[in-house]
Amino acid sequence: MKHQDDAIPFSYLVKVGHVSANPVEVRLEADEKERKALAESWDILAVDELRAELQINRWKKDGIRVKGRVRAKIVQACVVTLEPVPSDIDEQFEQIFVPENSKLARRPANDAGEMVLDPDGPDLPEAFVGDSIDAGAVVTEFAALAIDPYPRKAGIEFSGHIEDDGQKDKKPSPFAALKDWKKD
């Protein structure tokens, strides 16, 4: 089931034909080389640990469900001081895959042809091509989405910083000189 692709930092290929209706438990852990590549890909200082527990099973007739939990320990640079900021990621996720030619892969649309999405509803199934899906890429994606975009060391704030309200250095309008003119 496993195949490592050098183009993808963390990969775990699953052959769709080998997946049954009964969930299969899979535990993944990134090695040192994979963690280093993920840190570069995510533009962070380090990935100290990346683990995932997955359940992989059939979904409906020809789909695959990957459900699980990803945990990671990462180090980012503080947006204020640039000092290292360690943080933990602990995310539950579920992703459904269907073949690209499946009716379930089509996006729902209304009468006007606009795509209709429910922001609170479940995610739409992802389409896959070929006979495999990459469960490692799913784990990587959900871990990346959980990374804080503005990490800040505890107790650190911008000191002496005042938000600009845009009024101080505002250039006068070219029509301001005309406001006092009156028509004779």
N, C-alpha and C. Protein backbone atom coordinates (compact mmCIF):
# COMPACT_ATOMS: atom_id res chain seq x y z
N MET A 1 0.80 -1.20 0.00
CA MET A 1 0.00 0.00 0.00
C MET A 1 0.84 1.26 0.00
N LYS A 2 2.05 1.20 0.52
CA LYS A 2 2.84 2.42 0.67
C LYS A 2 3.80 2.59 -0.50
N HIS A 3 3.91 3.83 -0.92
CA HIS A 3 4.86 4.21 -1.96
C HIS A 3 5.28 5.64 -1.69
N GLN A 4 6.55 5.89 -1.63
CA GLN A 4 7.06 7.23 -1.35
C GLN A 4 7.37 7.95 -2.66
N ASP A 5 6.79 9.11 -2.85
CA ASP A 5 7.03 9.94 -4.02
C ASP A 5 7.90 11.11 -3.59
N ASP A 6 9.02 11.33 -4.24
CA ASP A 6 9.95 12.39 -3.85
C ASP A 6 9.37 13.79 -4.05
N ALA A 7 8.39 13.95 -4.95
CA ALA A 7 7.81 15.26 -5.20
C ALA A 7 6.87 15.69 -4.07
N ILE A 8 6.32 14.73 -3.34
CA ILE A 8 5.41 15.01 -2.25
C ILE A 8 6.15 14.71 -0.95
N PRO A 9 6.20 15.69 -0.01
CA PRO A 9 6.98 15.50 1.21
C PRO A 9 6.54 14.31 2.07
N PHE A 10 5.23 14.04 2.15
CA PHE A 10 4.72 12.98 3.00
C PHE A 10 3.64 12.25 2.23
N SER A 11 3.93 11.03 1.80
CA SER A 11 3.03 10.32 0.91
C SER A 11 2.72 8.92 1.45
N TYR A 12 1.48 8.52 1.31
CA TYR A 12 1.06 7.16 1.64
C TYR A 12 -0.05 6.80 0.67
N LEU A 13 0.32 6.08 -0.40
CA LEU A 13 -0.64 5.74 -1.44
C LEU A 13 -1.48 4.54 -1.02
N VAL A 14 -2.78 4.64 -1.28
CA VAL A 14 -3.72 3.57 -0.98
C VAL A 14 -4.35 3.13 -2.29
N LYS A 15 -4.23 1.84 -2.60
CA LYS A 15 -4.87 1.28 -3.79
C LYS A 15 -6.37 1.16 -3.53
N VAL A 16 -7.16 1.83 -4.34
CA VAL A 16 -8.60 1.88 -4.15
C VAL A 16 -9.21 0.48 -4.22
N GLY A 17 -8.72 -0.36 -5.08
CA GLY A 17 -9.25 -1.71 -5.24
C GLY A 17 -9.04 -2.59 -4.03
N HIS A 18 -8.12 -2.25 -3.15
CA HIS A 18 -7.82 -3.06 -1.97
C HIS A 18 -8.60 -2.61 -0.74
N VAL A 19 -9.39 -1.55 -0.85
CA VAL A 19 -10.11 -1.00 0.30
C VAL A 19 -11.47 -1.69 0.41
N SER A 20 -11.80 -2.14 1.63
CA SER A 20 -13.07 -2.82 1.84
C SER A 20 -14.05 -1.90 2.58
N ALA A 21 -15.27 -2.40 2.78
CA ALA A 21 -16.28 -1.62 3.50
C ALA A 21 -15.94 -1.52 4.98
N ASN A 22 -15.20 -2.48 5.50
CA ASN A 22 -14.78 -2.44 6.90
C ASN A 22 -13.58 -1.51 7.04
N PRO A 23 -13.63 -0.56 7.99
CA PRO A 23 -12.52 0.38 8.15
C PRO A 23 -11.21 -0.32 8.48
N VAL A 24 -10.16 0.13 7.84
CA VAL A 24 -8.81 -0.37 8.11
C VAL A 24 -8.09 0.73 8.89
N GLU A 25 -7.51 0.36 10.02
CA GLU A 25 -6.77 1.31 10.86
C GLU A 25 -5.35 1.45 10.31
N VAL A 26 -4.91 2.69 10.10
CA VAL A 26 -3.57 2.96 9.59
C VAL A 26 -2.94 4.03 10.47
N ARG A 27 -1.71 3.79 10.89
CA ARG A 27 -0.95 4.78 11.66
C ARG A 27 0.23 5.23 10.81
N LEU A 28 0.35 6.53 10.68
CA LEU A 28 1.44 7.11 9.89
C LEU A 28 2.30 7.99 10.78
N GLU A 29 3.59 8.01 10.50
CA GLU A 29 4.51 8.89 11.21
C GLU A 29 5.58 9.33 10.23
N ALA A 30 5.82 10.64 10.19
CA ALA A 30 6.81 11.20 9.27
C ALA A 30 8.21 10.99 9.85
N ASP A 31 9.13 10.57 8.98
CA ASP A 31 10.52 10.42 9.41
C ASP A 31 11.23 11.77 9.33
N GLU A 32 12.50 11.80 9.68
CA GLU A 32 13.25 13.06 9.75
C GLU A 32 13.31 13.77 8.40
N LYS A 33 13.56 13.02 7.34
CA LYS A 33 13.64 13.61 5.99
C LYS A 33 12.29 14.22 5.58
N GLU A 34 11.20 13.50 5.86
CA GLU A 34 9.87 14.00 5.53
C GLU A 34 9.51 15.24 6.34
N ARG A 35 9.88 15.24 7.63
CA ARG A 35 9.59 16.40 8.48
C ARG A 35 10.35 17.63 8.01
N LYS A 36 11.59 17.43 7.59
CA LYS A 36 12.39 18.56 7.08
C LYS A 36 11.76 19.12 5.79
N ALA A 37 11.33 18.23 4.91
CA ALA A 37 10.69 18.66 3.66
C ALA A 37 9.36 19.37 3.93
N LEU A 38 8.61 18.89 4.92
CA LEU A 38 7.34 19.55 5.29
C LEU A 38 7.60 20.94 5.84
N ALA A 39 8.62 21.10 6.67
CA ALA A 39 8.95 22.42 7.23
C ALA A 39 9.28 23.40 6.11
N GLU A 40 10.02 22.95 5.11
CA GLU A 40 10.34 23.81 3.96
C GLU A 40 9.08 24.14 3.17
N SER A 41 8.25 23.14 2.96
CA SER A 41 7.02 23.33 2.20
C SER A 41 6.07 24.29 2.90
N TRP A 42 5.96 24.20 4.22
CA TRP A 42 5.07 25.06 4.99
C TRP A 42 5.72 26.38 5.37
N ASP A 43 6.97 26.58 5.05
CA ASP A 43 7.72 27.80 5.36
C ASP A 43 7.71 28.09 6.87
N ILE A 44 8.07 27.07 7.64
CA ILE A 44 8.20 27.21 9.09
C ILE A 44 9.60 26.74 9.48
N LEU A 45 9.97 26.96 10.74
CA LEU A 45 11.32 26.61 11.19
C LEU A 45 11.55 25.11 11.28
N ALA A 46 10.58 24.36 11.85
CA ALA A 46 10.78 22.92 12.01
C ALA A 46 9.46 22.19 12.23
N VAL A 47 9.46 20.94 11.84
CA VAL A 47 8.38 20.01 12.18
C VAL A 47 9.06 18.95 13.04
N ASP A 48 8.81 18.98 14.34
CA ASP A 48 9.46 18.04 15.25
C ASP A 48 8.78 16.69 15.27
N GLU A 49 7.49 16.67 14.96
CA GLU A 49 6.74 15.42 14.99
C GLU A 49 5.50 15.56 14.12
N LEU A 50 5.15 14.51 13.39
CA LEU A 50 3.90 14.45 12.63
C LEU A 50 3.42 13.01 12.67
N ARG A 51 2.23 12.82 13.27
CA ARG A 51 1.63 11.49 13.38
C ARG A 51 0.17 11.58 12.97
N ALA A 52 -0.34 10.47 12.45
CA ALA A 52 -1.75 10.42 12.09
C ALA A 52 -2.29 9.03 12.33
N GLU A 53 -3.51 8.97 12.83
CA GLU A 53 -4.25 7.71 12.96
C GLU A 53 -5.42 7.83 11.99
N LEU A 54 -5.53 6.90 11.07
CA LEU A 54 -6.55 6.97 10.03
C LEU A 54 -7.44 5.73 10.03
N GLN A 55 -8.66 5.91 9.56
CA GLN A 55 -9.56 4.82 9.23
C GLN A 55 -9.87 4.99 7.75
N ILE A 56 -9.58 3.99 6.98
CA ILE A 56 -9.82 4.05 5.53
C ILE A 56 -10.82 2.96 5.17
N ASN A 57 -11.91 3.36 4.51
CA ASN A 57 -12.91 2.37 4.10
C ASN A 57 -13.67 2.86 2.87
N ARG A 58 -14.45 1.94 2.31
CA ARG A 58 -15.30 2.27 1.16
C ARG A 58 -16.39 3.24 1.59
N TRP A 59 -16.80 4.09 0.65
CA TRP A 59 -17.90 5.00 0.87
C TRP A 59 -18.83 4.88 -0.31
N LYS A 60 -20.07 4.54 -0.04
CA LYS A 60 -21.07 4.27 -1.07
C LYS A 60 -20.53 3.23 -2.02
N LYS A 61 -20.80 3.33 -3.31
CA LYS A 61 -20.40 2.26 -4.23
C LYS A 61 -18.93 2.31 -4.61
N ASP A 62 -18.46 3.48 -5.03
CA ASP A 62 -17.10 3.53 -5.56
C ASP A 62 -16.21 4.58 -4.89
N GLY A 63 -16.66 5.12 -3.77
CA GLY A 63 -15.89 6.14 -3.07
C GLY A 63 -15.02 5.56 -1.96
N ILE A 64 -14.11 6.39 -1.45
CA ILE A 64 -13.22 6.03 -0.35
C ILE A 64 -13.32 7.13 0.70
N ARG A 65 -13.44 6.72 1.97
CA ARG A 65 -13.47 7.67 3.08
C ARG A 65 -12.16 7.54 3.86
N VAL A 66 -11.51 8.68 4.08
CA VAL A 66 -10.33 8.74 4.93
C VAL A 66 -10.71 9.62 6.11
N LYS A 67 -10.77 9.02 7.27
CA LYS A 67 -11.18 9.72 8.48
C LYS A 67 -10.07 9.54 9.51
N GLY A 68 -9.77 10.59 10.26
CA GLY A 68 -8.72 10.40 11.24
C GLY A 68 -8.38 11.63 12.04
N ARG A 69 -7.18 11.56 12.61
CA ARG A 69 -6.67 12.62 13.48
C ARG A 69 -5.20 12.80 13.18
N VAL A 70 -4.81 14.05 13.02
CA VAL A 70 -3.39 14.36 12.79
C VAL A 70 -2.89 15.17 13.98
N ARG A 71 -1.70 14.80 14.43
CA ARG A 71 -1.04 15.51 15.53
C ARG A 71 0.35 15.88 15.07
N ALA A 72 0.75 17.09 15.41
CA ALA A 72 2.08 17.55 15.01
C ALA A 72 2.62 18.52 16.06
N LYS A 73 3.93 18.55 16.14
CA LYS A 73 4.64 19.54 16.96
C LYS A 73 5.52 20.31 15.98
N ILE A 74 5.25 21.62 15.89
CA ILE A 74 5.98 22.45 14.94
C ILE A 74 6.62 23.64 15.65
N VAL A 75 7.56 24.26 14.96
CA VAL A 75 8.21 25.47 15.46
C VAL A 75 8.13 26.52 14.36
N GLN A 76 7.58 27.70 14.73
CA GLN A 76 7.45 28.80 13.79
C GLN A 76 8.20 30.00 14.33
N ALA A 77 8.40 31.01 13.49
CA ALA A 77 9.02 32.25 13.92
C ALA A 77 7.94 33.21 14.38
N CYS A 78 8.16 33.83 15.55
CA CYS A 78 7.23 34.82 16.09
C CYS A 78 7.13 35.99 15.11
N VAL A 79 5.91 36.47 14.87
CA VAL A 79 5.73 37.57 13.92
C VAL A 79 6.24 38.90 14.47
N VAL A 80 6.49 38.98 15.77
CA VAL A 80 6.97 40.21 16.37
C VAL A 80 8.49 40.18 16.55
N THR A 81 8.99 39.11 17.19
CA THR A 81 10.41 39.05 17.56
C THR A 81 11.25 38.12 16.68
N LEU A 82 10.62 37.30 15.88
CA LEU A 82 11.26 36.27 15.05
C LEU A 82 11.89 35.15 15.88
N GLU A 83 11.62 35.10 17.18
CA GLU A 83 12.09 34.02 18.02
C GLU A 83 11.26 32.77 17.74
N PRO A 84 11.82 31.58 17.98
CA PRO A 84 11.06 30.35 17.76
C PRO A 84 9.85 30.23 18.68
N VAL A 85 8.73 29.81 18.10
CA VAL A 85 7.49 29.62 18.85
C VAL A 85 7.02 28.18 18.59
N PRO A 86 7.13 27.32 19.62
CA PRO A 86 6.62 25.96 19.43
C PRO A 86 5.10 25.94 19.53
N SER A 87 4.47 25.08 18.76
CA SER A 87 3.02 24.92 18.85
C SER A 87 2.63 23.49 18.50
N ASP A 88 1.46 23.12 18.98
CA ASP A 88 0.94 21.77 18.74
C ASP A 88 -0.26 21.85 17.82
N ILE A 89 -0.38 20.85 16.97
CA ILE A 89 -1.54 20.71 16.09
C ILE A 89 -2.23 19.42 16.48
N ASP A 90 -3.53 19.47 16.62
CA ASP A 90 -4.32 18.29 16.93
C ASP A 90 -5.66 18.48 16.22
N GLU A 91 -5.79 17.88 15.05
CA GLU A 91 -6.96 18.09 14.20
C GLU A 91 -7.64 16.78 13.83
N GLN A 92 -8.96 16.76 13.92
CA GLN A 92 -9.77 15.65 13.41
C GLN A 92 -10.19 16.03 11.99
N PHE A 93 -10.27 15.05 11.11
CA PHE A 93 -10.68 15.35 9.74
C PHE A 93 -11.38 14.17 9.12
N GLU A 94 -12.06 14.46 8.02
CA GLU A 94 -12.69 13.43 7.21
C GLU A 94 -12.70 13.91 5.78
N GLN A 95 -12.25 13.07 4.87
CA GLN A 95 -12.22 13.42 3.45
C GLN A 95 -12.76 12.24 2.66
N ILE A 96 -13.64 12.53 1.72
CA ILE A 96 -14.21 11.50 0.87
C ILE A 96 -13.69 11.70 -0.54
N PHE A 97 -13.31 10.60 -1.17
CA PHE A 97 -12.81 10.61 -2.54
C PHE A 97 -13.72 9.77 -3.42
N VAL A 98 -13.98 10.26 -4.63
CA VAL A 98 -14.75 9.51 -5.62
C VAL A 98 -14.00 9.57 -6.95
N PRO A 99 -14.19 8.56 -7.81
CA PRO A 99 -13.55 8.62 -9.13
C PRO A 99 -14.01 9.84 -9.91
N GLU A 100 -13.15 10.36 -10.77
CA GLU A 100 -13.47 11.59 -11.49
C GLU A 100 -14.71 11.48 -12.36
N ASN A 101 -15.07 10.28 -12.80
CA ASN A 101 -16.23 10.12 -13.67
C ASN A 101 -17.50 9.78 -12.89
N SER A 102 -17.44 9.79 -11.56
CA SER A 102 -18.58 9.45 -10.72
C SER A 102 -19.60 10.60 -10.72
N LYS A 103 -20.89 10.24 -10.61
CA LYS A 103 -21.94 11.26 -10.49
C LYS A 103 -21.78 12.04 -9.20
N LEU A 104 -21.19 11.43 -8.19
CA LEU A 104 -20.99 12.09 -6.90
C LEU A 104 -19.90 13.15 -6.95
N ALA A 105 -19.08 13.16 -8.01
CA ALA A 105 -18.00 14.13 -8.14
C ALA A 105 -18.50 15.45 -8.72
N ARG A 106 -19.69 15.45 -9.28
CA ARG A 106 -20.23 16.68 -9.88
C ARG A 106 -20.63 17.66 -8.79
N ARG A 107 -20.36 18.92 -9.04
CA ARG A 107 -20.70 19.98 -8.08
C ARG A 107 -22.18 20.33 -8.25
N PRO A 108 -22.92 20.47 -7.15
CA PRO A 108 -24.35 20.82 -7.26
C PRO A 108 -24.53 22.24 -7.78
N ALA A 109 -25.52 22.42 -8.64
CA ALA A 109 -25.79 23.75 -9.21
C ALA A 109 -27.30 24.01 -9.17
N ASN A 110 -27.64 25.29 -9.15
CA ASN A 110 -29.07 25.64 -9.19
C ASN A 110 -29.50 25.81 -10.65
N ASP A 111 -30.73 26.29 -10.86
CA ASP A 111 -31.26 26.43 -12.22
C ASP A 111 -30.47 27.40 -13.07
N ALA A 112 -29.83 28.40 -12.45
CA ALA A 112 -29.06 29.39 -13.19
C ALA A 112 -27.64 28.90 -13.50
N GLY A 113 -27.31 27.69 -13.05
CA GLY A 113 -25.97 27.16 -13.32
C GLY A 113 -24.93 27.57 -12.30
N GLU A 114 -25.35 28.24 -11.22
CA GLU A 114 -24.42 28.65 -10.18
C GLU A 114 -24.19 27.50 -9.21
N MET A 115 -22.95 27.37 -8.76
CA MET A 115 -22.63 26.32 -7.81
C MET A 115 -23.20 26.69 -6.44
N VAL A 116 -23.89 25.76 -5.81
CA VAL A 116 -24.51 25.98 -4.52
C VAL A 116 -23.70 25.23 -3.47
N LEU A 117 -23.18 25.96 -2.48
CA LEU A 117 -22.40 25.34 -1.41
C LEU A 117 -22.98 25.73 -0.07
N ASP A 118 -23.02 24.78 0.84
CA ASP A 118 -23.45 25.04 2.21
C ASP A 118 -22.19 25.16 3.06
N PRO A 119 -21.88 26.38 3.57
CA PRO A 119 -20.64 26.54 4.34
C PRO A 119 -20.62 25.74 5.63
N ASP A 120 -21.79 25.40 6.16
CA ASP A 120 -21.85 24.62 7.39
C ASP A 120 -22.03 23.13 7.12
N GLY A 121 -22.25 22.77 5.87
CA GLY A 121 -22.47 21.38 5.51
C GLY A 121 -21.17 20.62 5.35
N PRO A 122 -21.26 19.35 5.04
CA PRO A 122 -20.06 18.54 4.84
C PRO A 122 -19.31 18.97 3.57
N ASP A 123 -18.02 18.71 3.55
CA ASP A 123 -17.23 19.01 2.36
C ASP A 123 -17.68 18.13 1.21
N LEU A 124 -17.55 18.66 0.00
CA LEU A 124 -17.87 17.87 -1.18
C LEU A 124 -16.78 16.83 -1.40
N PRO A 125 -17.13 15.70 -1.99
CA PRO A 125 -16.10 14.70 -2.27
C PRO A 125 -15.04 15.22 -3.24
N GLU A 126 -13.82 14.78 -3.02
CA GLU A 126 -12.71 15.09 -3.93
C GLU A 126 -12.66 14.01 -5.00
N ALA A 127 -12.42 14.42 -6.22
CA ALA A 127 -12.27 13.46 -7.31
C ALA A 127 -10.83 12.98 -7.38
N PHE A 128 -10.65 11.70 -7.69
CA PHE A 128 -9.31 11.17 -7.88
C PHE A 128 -9.20 10.52 -9.25
N VAL A 129 -7.99 10.45 -9.75
CA VAL A 129 -7.71 9.86 -11.05
C VAL A 129 -6.83 8.64 -10.82
N GLY A 130 -7.09 7.59 -11.56
CA GLY A 130 -6.27 6.40 -11.44
C GLY A 130 -6.82 5.43 -10.41
N ASP A 131 -5.92 4.59 -9.89
CA ASP A 131 -6.35 3.53 -8.98
C ASP A 131 -5.87 3.75 -7.54
N SER A 132 -5.33 4.94 -7.23
CA SER A 132 -4.80 5.21 -5.89
C SER A 132 -5.17 6.60 -5.41
N ILE A 133 -5.24 6.72 -4.08
CA ILE A 133 -5.36 8.04 -3.45
C ILE A 133 -4.19 8.18 -2.49
N ASP A 134 -3.80 9.39 -2.21
CA ASP A 134 -2.65 9.64 -1.33
C ASP A 134 -3.15 10.10 0.05
N ALA A 135 -3.22 9.17 0.99
CA ALA A 135 -3.67 9.49 2.34
C ALA A 135 -2.67 10.39 3.05
N GLY A 136 -1.39 10.28 2.73
CA GLY A 136 -0.37 11.15 3.31
C GLY A 136 -0.58 12.60 2.92
N ALA A 137 -0.99 12.83 1.68
CA ALA A 137 -1.26 14.20 1.22
C ALA A 137 -2.47 14.78 1.95
N VAL A 138 -3.46 13.94 2.27
CA VAL A 138 -4.63 14.39 3.02
C VAL A 138 -4.20 14.83 4.42
N VAL A 139 -3.37 14.02 5.07
CA VAL A 139 -2.86 14.34 6.40
C VAL A 139 -2.08 15.66 6.35
N THR A 140 -1.23 15.80 5.36
CA THR A 140 -0.42 17.01 5.19
C THR A 140 -1.29 18.23 5.01
N GLU A 141 -2.33 18.12 4.20
CA GLU A 141 -3.22 19.25 3.92
C GLU A 141 -3.94 19.72 5.19
N PHE A 142 -4.49 18.78 5.96
CA PHE A 142 -5.22 19.17 7.16
C PHE A 142 -4.29 19.71 8.24
N ALA A 143 -3.07 19.19 8.31
CA ALA A 143 -2.10 19.74 9.26
C ALA A 143 -1.72 21.16 8.86
N ALA A 144 -1.50 21.39 7.58
CA ALA A 144 -1.12 22.72 7.09
C ALA A 144 -2.22 23.74 7.35
N LEU A 145 -3.47 23.33 7.21
CA LEU A 145 -4.59 24.24 7.45
C LEU A 145 -4.70 24.65 8.92
N ALA A 146 -4.14 23.84 9.81
CA ALA A 146 -4.22 24.13 11.25
C ALA A 146 -3.07 25.01 11.74
N ILE A 147 -2.11 25.33 10.89
CA ILE A 147 -0.96 26.14 11.30
C ILE A 147 -1.42 27.59 11.51
N ASP A 148 -1.01 28.17 12.64
CA ASP A 148 -1.34 29.57 12.95
C ASP A 148 -0.59 30.48 11.97
N PRO A 149 -1.29 31.30 11.19
CA PRO A 149 -0.60 32.15 10.22
C PRO A 149 0.18 33.30 10.86
N TYR A 150 -0.15 33.65 12.11
CA TYR A 150 0.53 34.74 12.80
C TYR A 150 0.95 34.30 14.21
N PRO A 151 1.92 33.42 14.30
CA PRO A 151 2.33 32.95 15.62
C PRO A 151 3.00 34.06 16.42
N ARG A 152 2.68 34.11 17.69
CA ARG A 152 3.23 35.15 18.55
C ARG A 152 3.66 34.50 19.86
N LYS A 153 4.87 34.82 20.28
CA LYS A 153 5.38 34.32 21.55
C LYS A 153 4.50 34.85 22.67
N ALA A 154 4.26 34.04 23.69
CA ALA A 154 3.37 34.41 24.80
C ALA A 154 3.85 35.70 25.47
N GLY A 155 2.92 36.63 25.68
CA GLY A 155 3.23 37.89 26.36
C GLY A 155 3.87 38.95 25.49
N ILE A 156 4.12 38.68 24.24
CA ILE A 156 4.77 39.64 23.34
C ILE A 156 3.70 40.40 22.57
N GLU A 157 3.84 41.73 22.56
CA GLU A 157 2.93 42.57 21.77
C GLU A 157 3.76 43.60 21.03
N PHE A 158 3.16 44.22 20.05
CA PHE A 158 3.81 45.32 19.35
C PHE A 158 3.85 46.50 20.31
N SER A 159 5.04 46.93 20.74
CA SER A 159 5.11 48.06 21.66
C SER A 159 5.34 49.34 20.86
N GLY A 160 4.65 50.39 21.26
CA GLY A 160 4.79 51.67 20.59
C GLY A 160 4.11 51.71 19.23
N HIS A 161 3.36 50.71 18.91
CA HIS A 161 2.70 50.67 17.61
C HIS A 161 1.29 51.23 17.75
N ILE A 162 0.98 52.21 16.92
CA ILE A 162 -0.35 52.80 16.91
C ILE A 162 -0.93 52.57 15.52
N GLU A 163 -2.11 52.02 15.51
CA GLU A 163 -2.77 51.77 14.24
C GLU A 163 -3.07 53.10 13.56
N ASP A 164 -2.82 53.18 12.28
CA ASP A 164 -3.07 54.38 11.50
C ASP A 164 -4.54 54.40 11.09
N ASP A 165 -5.20 55.48 11.43
CA ASP A 165 -6.61 55.60 11.05
C ASP A 165 -6.78 56.26 9.69
N GLY A 166 -5.68 56.64 9.07
CA GLY A 166 -5.72 57.21 7.73
C GLY A 166 -6.05 58.69 7.70
N GLN A 167 -6.18 59.38 8.84
CA GLN A 167 -6.58 60.77 8.87
C GLN A 167 -5.39 61.74 8.95
N LYS A 168 -4.29 61.32 9.55
CA LYS A 168 -3.18 62.24 9.81
C LYS A 168 -2.53 62.76 8.53
N ASP A 169 -2.11 61.88 7.69
CA ASP A 169 -1.35 62.27 6.50
C ASP A 169 -2.20 62.28 5.25
N LYS A 170 -3.48 62.44 5.41
CA LYS A 170 -4.37 62.40 4.27
C LYS A 170 -4.20 63.68 3.45
N LYS A 171 -3.97 63.52 2.18
CA LYS A 171 -3.81 64.68 1.29
C LYS A 171 -5.17 65.32 1.06
N PRO A 172 -5.18 66.64 1.01
CA PRO A 172 -6.47 67.30 0.78
C PRO A 172 -6.99 67.00 -0.62
N SER A 173 -8.28 67.02 -0.70
CA SER A 173 -8.92 66.79 -1.99
C SER A 173 -8.62 67.97 -2.91
N PRO A 174 -8.41 67.75 -4.21
CA PRO A 174 -8.18 68.85 -5.13
C PRO A 174 -9.40 69.78 -5.23
N PHE A 175 -10.55 69.32 -4.80
CA PHE A 175 -11.76 70.14 -4.85
C PHE A 175 -11.99 70.92 -3.56
N ALA A 176 -11.13 70.71 -2.55
CA ALA A 176 -11.29 71.41 -1.27
C ALA A 176 -11.16 72.92 -1.45
N ALA A 177 -10.30 73.37 -2.35
CA ALA A 177 -10.12 74.81 -2.59
C ALA A 177 -11.36 75.43 -3.23
N LEU A 178 -12.16 74.64 -3.88
CA LEU A 178 -13.34 75.16 -4.56
C LEU A 178 -14.57 75.26 -3.66
N LYS A 179 -14.51 74.67 -2.46
CA LYS A 179 -15.70 74.61 -1.62
C LYS A 179 -16.19 75.98 -1.17
N ASP A 180 -15.25 76.98 -1.06
CA ASP A 180 -15.66 78.31 -0.60
C ASP A 180 -16.07 79.22 -1.76
N TRP A 181 -15.88 78.82 -2.98
CA TRP A 181 -16.26 79.65 -4.12
C TRP A 181 -17.77 79.69 -4.25
N LYS A 182 -18.24 80.85 -4.57
CA LYS A 182 -19.68 81.00 -4.80
C LYS A 182 -19.89 81.53 -6.20
N LYS A 183 -20.96 81.14 -6.75
CA LYS A 183 -21.29 81.58 -8.08
C LYS A 183 -21.91 82.98 -7.98
N ASP A 184 -21.41 83.95 -8.72
CA ASP A 184 -21.94 85.33 -8.68
C ASP A 184 -23.14 85.49 -9.55
